[in-house]
Amino acid sequence: MLLTFYAVELLRNGKLSAALTKLKGEDIVLFIAIAASMATGVLLPSFGIIFEPYLLIWLGLLLFLNLIRLNLQDLASTFKKPVQLVILSMVKLVALPLTMYFIAKLVYEPLAVPVLLLSGISTGLGAPFVINAVEKSKKLPLVVGMVIVTSLGVPFALPSIVYLLLGGNSEFEIPIFNMVFLLSVALFIPIIAGWFAKKKWSSIAQRVDKKSFPVSIVLISLMNLGVFANFSSFFFKDLSFVFVNIAAAFALFAAYAAIGYVAGNIKYQGKIITMERSRDLGISGLIVMTYVNNILVVVFASQFFSIDVAALAAFYNLPYYGLILLLKIIAK
């Protein structure tokens, strides 16, 4: 929807072809790596499954590489003026999961719980990579701030919403301690490591930053291999299940994008709520809503629910990485 509208407008105005010519070789490599790793995971699951137990490690390393360039003073200033963080966090952790759950319940009830889990999870550890790739770090402090705030809030918000909506059904209980542990390992270790590397080995950190993009592509490929290998059997045994979940993943990405773009432009001054008309703020809001911790949902949903519940979060990788180039074109 929103992204499609932008693409159509760019095409109508003759700007799409101009933007395409500005894409770099690394963008093409990223697209090929994403497509190849997903296909390999599906077609050669015995190979891809080797990387599946280490999903959070690959995710943590991806976060570390993309935090190397973060200016901690900029991050601190984001927390000193937290209004935008508060607005985006409330939308992300409360309004979005509730809205998407009731829509899914009306449209296709079997997906209501997977939609709730995916919609209510925190801003993704991969979001800093996306903002670096799309906006060249302009809004990196805001995105990292959202990663931190929503990661701290989600162990309390999401289980409470699940309990409220599902009535304490033991089949869908979320173990808070396990969620806190997974988030702590995947989030705070990379943040501390990134800060320590910049402080103690600044020259090495700068060299790592310059090489971060190709290494990030490798880490994304390893995640795709592990995720799609784990769900490979569905492609051969239940294609209708695959199609429904993939269609839902793209629909959710579009919905998150539209809500995020609007939420990113909400401004609160005193007791007055206004709407900005800033593309940069809109793109930042879009990214923090669409680039969520779906891998974390895959990990704990597979462990504590069922693989069917985890499938939507796994297939969300398709729009998650597949639409980065479209975002880059829009940003350009």
Protein backbone atom coordinates (compact mmCIF):
# COMPACT_ATOMS: atom_id res chain seq x y z
CA MET A 1 0.00 0.00 0.00
CA LEU A 2 2.08 2.94 1.23
CA LEU A 3 5.28 1.59 -0.35
CA THR A 4 3.40 0.64 -3.49
CA PHE A 5 1.91 4.14 -3.69
CA TYR A 6 5.37 5.67 -3.45
CA ALA A 7 6.72 3.32 -6.13
CA VAL A 8 3.84 4.17 -8.46
CA GLU A 9 4.35 7.90 -7.87
CA LEU A 10 8.07 7.58 -8.58
CA LEU A 11 7.35 5.65 -11.76
CA ARG A 12 4.73 8.17 -12.90
CA ASN A 13 7.10 11.06 -12.28
CA GLY A 14 9.96 9.37 -14.09
CA LYS A 15 12.02 9.25 -10.89
CA LEU A 16 12.04 5.48 -10.43
CA SER A 17 14.41 4.78 -13.33
CA ALA A 18 16.71 7.57 -12.12
CA ALA A 19 16.75 6.10 -8.62
CA LEU A 20 17.46 2.63 -9.97
CA THR A 21 20.53 3.89 -11.79
CA LYS A 22 21.87 5.19 -8.47
CA LEU A 23 21.77 1.79 -6.80
CA LYS A 24 25.27 0.56 -6.05
CA GLY A 25 26.85 -2.80 -6.72
CA GLU A 26 26.51 -3.62 -3.02
CA ASP A 27 22.73 -3.22 -3.34
CA ILE A 28 22.63 -5.82 -6.10
CA VAL A 29 24.86 -8.12 -4.04
CA LEU A 30 22.49 -7.71 -1.08
CA PHE A 31 19.47 -8.64 -3.21
CA ILE A 32 21.22 -11.69 -4.71
CA ALA A 33 22.47 -12.84 -1.29
CA ILE A 34 18.99 -12.57 0.23
CA ALA A 35 17.31 -14.48 -2.62
CA ALA A 36 20.04 -17.14 -2.78
CA SER A 37 20.15 -17.77 0.98
CA MET A 38 16.36 -18.14 1.22
CA ALA A 39 16.25 -20.50 -1.77
CA THR A 40 19.17 -22.55 -0.44
CA GLY A 41 17.51 -22.88 2.95
CA VAL A 42 14.35 -24.22 1.31
CA LEU A 43 16.04 -26.52 -1.22
CA LEU A 44 18.94 -27.73 0.94
CA PRO A 45 17.51 -27.80 4.48
CA SER A 46 20.11 -30.27 5.74
CA PHE A 47 22.76 -27.64 5.00
CA GLY A 48 20.81 -24.60 6.19
CA ILE A 49 19.74 -26.19 9.47
CA ILE A 50 23.40 -26.18 10.59
CA PHE A 51 23.09 -22.43 11.16
CA GLU A 52 19.65 -22.46 12.82
CA PRO A 53 20.76 -22.93 16.48
CA TYR A 54 22.86 -19.77 16.25
CA LEU A 55 20.19 -17.34 15.01
CA LEU A 56 20.53 -15.01 17.99
CA ILE A 57 24.32 -15.02 17.63
CA TRP A 58 24.10 -13.91 13.98
CA LEU A 59 21.53 -11.29 15.00
CA GLY A 60 23.70 -10.01 17.85
CA LEU A 61 26.74 -9.75 15.57
CA LEU A 62 24.66 -7.85 13.00
CA LEU A 63 23.62 -5.39 15.70
CA PHE A 64 27.21 -5.00 16.91
CA LEU A 65 28.50 -4.18 13.41
CA ASN A 66 25.86 -1.52 12.92
CA LEU A 67 26.32 0.10 16.32
CA ILE A 68 30.02 0.74 15.77
CA ARG A 69 29.21 4.07 14.09
CA LEU A 70 26.68 5.15 16.73
CA ASN A 71 27.51 8.38 18.53
CA LEU A 72 26.53 7.78 22.15
CA GLN A 73 26.03 11.53 22.71
CA ASP A 74 23.40 11.52 19.95
CA LEU A 75 21.74 8.53 21.61
CA ALA A 76 21.78 10.33 24.96
CA SER A 77 20.17 13.42 23.41
CA THR A 78 17.40 11.20 22.04
CA PHE A 79 16.60 10.05 25.58
CA LYS A 80 16.81 13.63 26.91
CA LYS A 81 13.90 14.53 24.62
CA PRO A 82 11.91 11.29 24.84
CA VAL A 83 8.51 12.43 23.51
CA GLN A 84 8.94 10.83 20.10
CA LEU A 85 10.30 7.64 21.70
CA VAL A 86 7.30 7.47 24.02
CA ILE A 87 4.77 8.02 21.20
CA LEU A 88 6.40 5.45 18.89
CA SER A 89 6.82 2.93 21.74
CA MET A 90 3.16 3.15 22.77
CA VAL A 91 2.08 2.65 19.17
CA LYS A 92 4.54 -0.23 18.73
CA LEU A 93 3.88 -2.13 21.96
CA VAL A 94 0.17 -1.44 22.57
CA ALA A 95 -1.81 0.06 19.69
CA LEU A 96 -0.24 -1.99 16.90
CA PRO A 97 -0.64 -5.51 18.38
CA LEU A 98 -4.20 -4.84 19.55
CA THR A 99 -5.25 -3.40 16.17
CA MET A 100 -3.61 -6.13 14.10
CA TYR A 101 -4.96 -8.91 16.33
CA PHE A 102 -8.60 -7.85 15.99
CA ILE A 103 -8.21 -7.30 12.23
CA ALA A 104 -6.66 -10.78 11.84
CA LYS A 105 -9.39 -12.30 14.01
CA LEU A 106 -12.01 -10.83 11.67
CA VAL A 107 -10.21 -11.62 8.41
CA TYR A 108 -8.59 -15.02 9.12
CA GLU A 109 -8.78 -16.21 12.71
CA PRO A 110 -6.10 -18.98 12.51
CA LEU A 111 -3.49 -16.24 12.06
CA ALA A 112 -4.70 -14.07 14.95
CA VAL A 113 -2.18 -15.34 17.51
CA PRO A 114 0.83 -15.33 15.13
CA VAL A 115 -0.15 -11.81 14.05
CA LEU A 116 -0.41 -10.73 17.70
CA LEU A 117 3.07 -12.07 18.53
CA LEU A 118 4.69 -10.54 15.47
CA SER A 119 2.93 -7.18 15.86
CA GLY A 120 3.67 -6.90 19.58
CA ILE A 121 7.36 -7.75 19.49
CA SER A 122 9.99 -5.04 19.89
CA THR A 123 11.76 -3.03 17.19
CA GLY A 124 14.25 -5.39 15.58
CA LEU A 125 17.95 -5.79 16.25
CA GLY A 126 18.34 -5.65 12.47
CA ALA A 127 16.73 -2.18 12.27
CA PRO A 128 20.08 -0.35 12.74
CA PHE A 129 21.41 -2.18 9.67
CA VAL A 130 18.38 -1.05 7.67
CA ILE A 131 18.62 2.59 8.75
CA ASN A 132 22.35 2.59 7.95
CA ALA A 133 21.64 1.10 4.51
CA VAL A 134 18.71 3.41 3.72
CA GLU A 135 19.33 6.71 5.50
CA LYS A 136 23.11 6.65 6.08
CA SER A 137 22.81 6.84 9.89
CA LYS A 138 20.80 10.10 9.91
CA LYS A 139 18.25 8.62 12.29
CA LEU A 140 20.37 5.86 13.83
CA PRO A 141 20.09 7.22 17.43
CA LEU A 142 16.27 7.24 17.23
CA VAL A 143 16.18 3.71 15.85
CA VAL A 144 18.61 2.40 18.48
CA GLY A 145 16.60 4.22 21.14
CA MET A 146 13.47 2.41 19.96
CA VAL A 147 15.33 -0.92 19.98
CA ILE A 148 16.34 -0.33 23.61
CA VAL A 149 13.02 1.05 24.90
CA THR A 150 10.77 -1.50 23.20
CA SER A 151 13.11 -4.37 24.15
CA LEU A 152 12.87 -3.30 27.79
CA GLY A 153 9.10 -2.92 27.54
CA VAL A 154 8.07 -5.94 25.48
CA PRO A 155 8.62 -8.64 28.17
CA PHE A 156 5.91 -6.90 30.20
CA ALA A 157 3.63 -5.50 27.49
CA LEU A 158 3.29 -8.52 25.19
CA PRO A 159 2.61 -11.21 27.85
CA SER A 160 0.04 -8.88 29.44
CA ILE A 161 -1.74 -8.35 26.12
CA VAL A 162 -1.66 -12.09 25.38
CA TYR A 163 -3.12 -12.82 28.81
CA LEU A 164 -5.80 -10.14 28.35
CA LEU A 165 -6.87 -11.37 24.91
CA LEU A 166 -6.48 -15.12 25.37
CA GLY A 167 -7.73 -15.35 28.94
CA GLY A 168 -4.71 -17.05 30.48
CA ASN A 169 -4.84 -19.97 28.06
CA SER A 170 -1.83 -22.08 29.10
CA GLU A 171 -1.25 -23.05 25.48
CA PHE A 172 -0.28 -19.45 24.74
CA GLU A 173 1.53 -18.38 27.90
CA ILE A 174 4.74 -16.44 27.27
CA PRO A 175 7.58 -17.19 29.72
CA ILE A 176 8.72 -13.70 30.71
CA PHE A 177 12.07 -14.82 32.13
CA ASN A 178 13.00 -16.59 28.90
CA MET A 179 12.06 -13.54 26.84
CA VAL A 180 14.13 -11.24 29.07
CA PHE A 181 17.10 -13.60 28.82
CA LEU A 182 16.92 -13.85 25.02
CA LEU A 183 16.63 -10.08 24.65
CA SER A 184 19.46 -9.45 27.10
CA VAL A 185 21.83 -11.78 25.27
CA ALA A 186 20.95 -10.48 21.82
CA LEU A 187 20.71 -6.75 22.68
CA PHE A 188 22.81 -5.62 25.60
CA ILE A 189 25.93 -7.67 24.89
CA PRO A 190 26.30 -6.13 21.36
CA ILE A 191 25.62 -2.62 22.73
CA ILE A 192 28.25 -2.97 25.45
CA ALA A 193 30.70 -4.58 23.02
CA GLY A 194 30.18 -1.78 20.50
CA TRP A 195 30.74 0.91 23.15
CA PHE A 196 33.85 -0.87 24.48
CA ALA A 197 35.31 -1.32 20.98
CA LYS A 198 34.85 2.39 20.15
CA LYS A 199 36.35 3.46 23.47
CA LYS A 200 39.36 1.11 23.65
CA TRP A 201 40.14 0.28 20.02
CA SER A 202 38.79 3.22 18.02
CA SER A 203 41.07 2.65 15.00
CA ILE A 204 40.05 -1.01 14.78
CA ALA A 205 36.39 -0.03 15.24
CA GLN A 206 36.66 2.38 12.30
CA ARG A 207 38.12 -0.33 10.06
CA VAL A 208 35.39 -2.74 11.16
CA ASP A 209 32.77 -0.10 10.36
CA LYS A 210 34.13 0.33 6.82
CA LYS A 211 33.84 -3.42 6.24
CA SER A 212 30.54 -3.83 8.08
CA PHE A 213 28.26 -3.98 5.04
CA PRO A 214 29.68 -7.13 3.37
CA VAL A 215 29.93 -8.88 6.75
CA SER A 216 26.33 -7.85 7.49
CA ILE A 217 25.26 -9.47 4.21
CA VAL A 218 26.96 -12.70 5.29
CA LEU A 219 25.19 -12.63 8.68
CA ILE A 220 21.81 -11.96 7.04
CA SER A 221 22.42 -14.89 4.68
CA LEU A 222 23.25 -17.19 7.61
CA MET A 223 20.01 -16.18 9.34
CA ASN A 224 17.99 -16.80 6.19
CA LEU A 225 19.61 -20.21 5.74
CA GLY A 226 18.70 -21.25 9.29
CA VAL A 227 15.17 -19.84 9.25
CA PHE A 228 14.07 -21.19 5.87
CA ALA A 229 15.70 -24.57 6.40
CA ASN A 230 13.59 -25.00 9.52
CA PHE A 231 10.40 -24.34 7.52
CA SER A 232 11.47 -26.05 4.30
CA SER A 233 9.04 -28.97 4.69
CA PHE A 234 6.02 -26.64 4.43
CA PHE A 235 7.05 -25.71 0.86
CA PHE A 236 6.74 -29.35 -0.20
CA LYS A 237 3.88 -30.56 2.01
CA ASP A 238 1.52 -27.62 2.53
CA LEU A 239 1.92 -24.91 -0.10
CA SER A 240 -1.41 -23.31 0.78
CA PHE A 241 -0.13 -22.75 4.33
CA VAL A 242 3.03 -21.15 2.89
CA PHE A 243 1.09 -18.87 0.51
CA VAL A 244 -1.28 -17.70 3.25
CA ASN A 245 1.56 -16.87 5.62
CA ILE A 246 3.66 -15.14 2.95
CA ALA A 247 0.68 -13.06 1.83
CA ALA A 248 -0.03 -12.16 5.46
CA ALA A 249 3.63 -11.23 6.00
CA PHE A 250 3.60 -8.76 3.10
CA ALA A 251 0.21 -7.36 4.17
CA LEU A 252 1.49 -6.83 7.71
CA PHE A 253 4.67 -5.17 6.44
CA ALA A 254 2.56 -2.74 4.41
CA ALA A 255 0.27 -2.05 7.38
CA TYR A 256 3.21 -1.52 9.74
CA ALA A 257 4.82 0.79 7.17
CA ALA A 258 1.70 2.97 6.84
CA ILE A 259 1.15 3.17 10.61
CA GLY A 260 4.85 3.82 11.23
CA TYR A 261 5.05 6.59 8.64
CA VAL A 262 2.10 8.40 10.23
CA ALA A 263 3.30 7.77 13.82
CA GLY A 264 6.77 9.06 12.95
CA ASN A 265 5.25 12.42 12.04
CA ILE A 266 3.22 12.82 15.22
CA LYS A 267 4.54 15.70 17.30
CA TYR A 268 3.50 16.53 20.85
CA GLN A 269 4.21 20.00 22.22
CA GLY A 270 2.81 20.87 25.60
CA LYS A 271 -0.79 19.68 25.35
CA ILE A 272 -1.01 20.02 21.58
CA ILE A 273 -0.67 17.09 19.17
CA THR A 274 0.26 18.03 15.62
CA MET A 275 1.31 16.23 12.46
CA GLU A 276 4.61 17.04 10.82
CA ARG A 277 5.16 16.62 7.08
CA SER A 278 8.70 15.25 7.26
CA ARG A 279 9.81 12.44 4.96
CA ASP A 280 12.82 11.71 7.19
CA LEU A 281 10.67 11.35 10.31
CA GLY A 282 8.18 9.24 8.35
CA ILE A 283 10.87 6.88 7.05
CA SER A 284 12.29 6.51 10.58
CA GLY A 285 8.85 5.70 11.97
CA LEU A 286 8.28 3.27 9.13
CA ILE A 287 11.52 1.43 9.88
CA VAL A 288 10.98 1.10 13.64
CA MET A 289 7.50 -0.35 13.05
CA THR A 290 8.27 -2.69 10.15
CA TYR A 291 11.72 -3.95 11.11
CA VAL A 292 10.79 -5.94 14.20
CA ASN A 293 12.40 -8.77 16.16
CA ASN A 294 10.75 -11.47 14.06
CA ILE A 295 13.73 -13.81 14.58
CA LEU A 296 13.13 -13.60 18.32
CA VAL A 297 9.48 -14.54 17.71
CA VAL A 298 10.67 -17.49 15.60
CA VAL A 299 12.97 -18.65 18.42
CA PHE A 300 10.57 -18.46 21.35
CA ALA A 301 7.40 -19.35 19.39
CA SER A 302 9.11 -22.53 18.15
CA GLN A 303 10.18 -23.36 21.72
CA PHE A 304 7.04 -22.45 23.65
CA PHE A 305 4.16 -22.59 21.14
CA SER A 306 4.40 -24.56 17.89
CA ILE A 307 6.18 -24.34 14.58
CA ASP A 308 2.88 -23.34 12.92
CA VAL A 309 2.66 -20.27 15.17
CA ALA A 310 6.30 -19.40 14.40
CA ALA A 311 5.83 -19.70 10.61
CA LEU A 312 4.43 -16.19 10.05
CA ALA A 313 7.41 -14.61 11.82
CA ALA A 314 9.79 -16.75 9.75
CA PHE A 315 8.20 -15.84 6.42
CA TYR A 316 8.24 -12.18 7.48
CA ASN A 317 11.93 -12.33 6.48
CA LEU A 318 10.76 -12.09 2.85
CA PRO A 319 9.46 -8.50 3.04
CA TYR A 320 11.89 -7.70 5.88
CA TYR A 321 14.96 -7.98 3.66
CA GLY A 322 13.38 -8.20 0.22
CA LEU A 323 11.99 -4.66 0.36
CA ILE A 324 15.15 -2.89 1.56
CA LEU A 325 15.99 -1.90 -2.02
CA LEU A 326 12.53 -0.37 -2.45
CA LEU A 327 13.08 1.66 0.72
CA LYS A 328 16.45 2.81 -0.60
CA ILE A 329 14.83 3.94 -3.86
CA ILE A 330 12.14 5.86 -1.96
CA ALA A 331 14.77 7.46 0.28
CA LYS A 332 16.80 8.55 -2.75
